Amino acid sequence: MLIGFLFRQISAKLGTLSEQDKNLGLKFIESSGVSFDKDFTAKQILSVVKSDKKADGDTVNFVLTSGFGKGVIKKIKIDSLAECL
């Protein structure tokens, strides 16, 4: 659930998901009773992203959500991702 929350946040910040859909998703996740205490720092998350098989130099192919049940693959700069975390 926390991963889903992070992807929704990133998708909204990168413009593939509307704020309304982000907030609806957040309400759904919150209604499940899941805690959003982050155990990982942005630095730790970026370290994993940089070593991911979808990473290519300073970019990564990232699957972003563009609505409920919809996704889009977008090549983004890892630095841009850092700004979203």
Protein backbone atom coordinates (compact mmCIF):
# COMPACT_ATOMS: atom_id res chain seq x y z
CA MET A 1 0.00 0.00 0.00
CA LEU A 2 2.81 2.41 0.81
CA ILE A 3 4.36 1.75 -2.60
CA GLY A 4 1.00 2.53 -4.22
CA PHE A 5 0.83 5.75 -2.25
CA LEU A 6 4.34 6.75 -3.36
CA PHE A 7 3.59 5.99 -7.02
CA ARG A 8 0.42 8.09 -6.85
CA GLN A 9 2.37 10.98 -5.33
CA ILE A 10 5.09 10.73 -7.98
CA SER A 11 2.55 10.42 -10.80
CA ALA A 12 0.71 13.54 -9.61
CA LYS A 13 3.94 15.54 -9.29
CA LEU A 14 5.04 14.50 -12.79
CA GLY A 15 1.65 15.42 -14.25
CA THR A 16 0.28 12.04 -15.33
CA LEU A 17 -2.33 11.85 -12.54
CA SER A 18 -4.79 14.54 -11.53
CA GLU A 19 -4.82 15.83 -7.96
CA GLN A 20 -8.43 14.65 -7.69
CA ASP A 21 -7.52 11.05 -8.62
CA LYS A 22 -4.48 11.19 -6.32
CA ASN A 23 -6.65 12.29 -3.42
CA LEU A 24 -9.32 9.67 -4.14
CA GLY A 25 -6.64 6.98 -4.15
CA LEU A 26 -5.21 8.33 -0.93
CA LYS A 27 -8.63 8.22 0.75
CA PHE A 28 -9.06 4.62 -0.38
CA ILE A 29 -5.65 3.60 0.96
CA GLU A 30 -6.28 5.44 4.26
CA SER A 31 -9.64 3.68 4.66
CA SER A 32 -7.77 0.37 4.72
CA GLY A 33 -6.14 1.39 8.00
CA VAL A 34 -2.59 1.30 6.61
CA SER A 35 -0.03 3.56 8.28
CA PHE A 36 1.99 5.89 6.07
CA ASP A 37 5.04 6.08 8.28
CA LYS A 38 7.92 6.06 5.80
CA ASP A 39 10.75 3.75 6.74
CA PHE A 40 12.93 4.73 3.78
CA THR A 41 14.71 7.95 2.96
CA ALA A 42 14.67 9.49 -0.50
CA LYS A 43 18.38 8.65 -0.78
CA GLN A 44 17.67 4.96 -0.11
CA ILE A 45 14.83 4.86 -2.64
CA LEU A 46 16.97 6.55 -5.31
CA SER A 47 19.80 4.10 -4.67
CA VAL A 48 17.45 1.22 -5.48
CA VAL A 49 16.05 3.02 -8.55
CA LYS A 50 19.56 3.64 -9.92
CA SER A 51 20.36 -0.07 -9.72
CA ASP A 52 17.03 -1.16 -11.22
CA LYS A 53 17.11 -2.96 -14.56
CA LYS A 54 14.95 -0.20 -16.07
CA ALA A 55 17.56 2.45 -15.25
CA ASP A 56 19.76 3.75 -18.05
CA GLY A 57 22.37 6.24 -16.90
CA ASP A 58 20.57 9.24 -15.43
CA THR A 59 17.09 8.11 -16.57
CA VAL A 60 14.71 5.32 -15.67
CA ASN A 61 11.64 3.92 -17.40
CA PHE A 62 8.97 4.39 -14.76
CA VAL A 63 5.41 3.08 -14.78
CA LEU A 64 3.21 5.93 -13.62
CA THR A 65 -0.49 5.88 -12.96
CA SER A 66 -2.68 8.09 -15.13
CA GLY A 67 -5.99 7.20 -13.47
CA PHE A 68 -7.67 4.28 -11.79
CA GLY A 69 -6.58 1.14 -13.61
CA LYS A 70 -4.54 3.12 -16.13
CA GLY A 71 -0.80 3.40 -16.47
CA VAL A 72 1.79 4.99 -18.69
CA ILE A 73 5.48 4.22 -19.12
CA LYS A 74 7.55 7.37 -19.00
CA LYS A 75 11.31 7.88 -19.18
CA ILE A 76 12.21 10.31 -16.44
CA LYS A 77 15.44 11.75 -15.13
CA ILE A 78 16.40 10.31 -11.77
CA ASP A 79 16.97 13.87 -10.52
CA SER A 80 13.30 14.66 -11.34
CA LEU A 81 12.25 11.63 -9.34
CA ALA A 82 14.34 12.86 -6.42
CA GLU A 83 12.32 16.08 -6.38
CA CYS A 84 9.09 14.05 -6.05
CA LEU A 85 10.14 12.13 -2.97
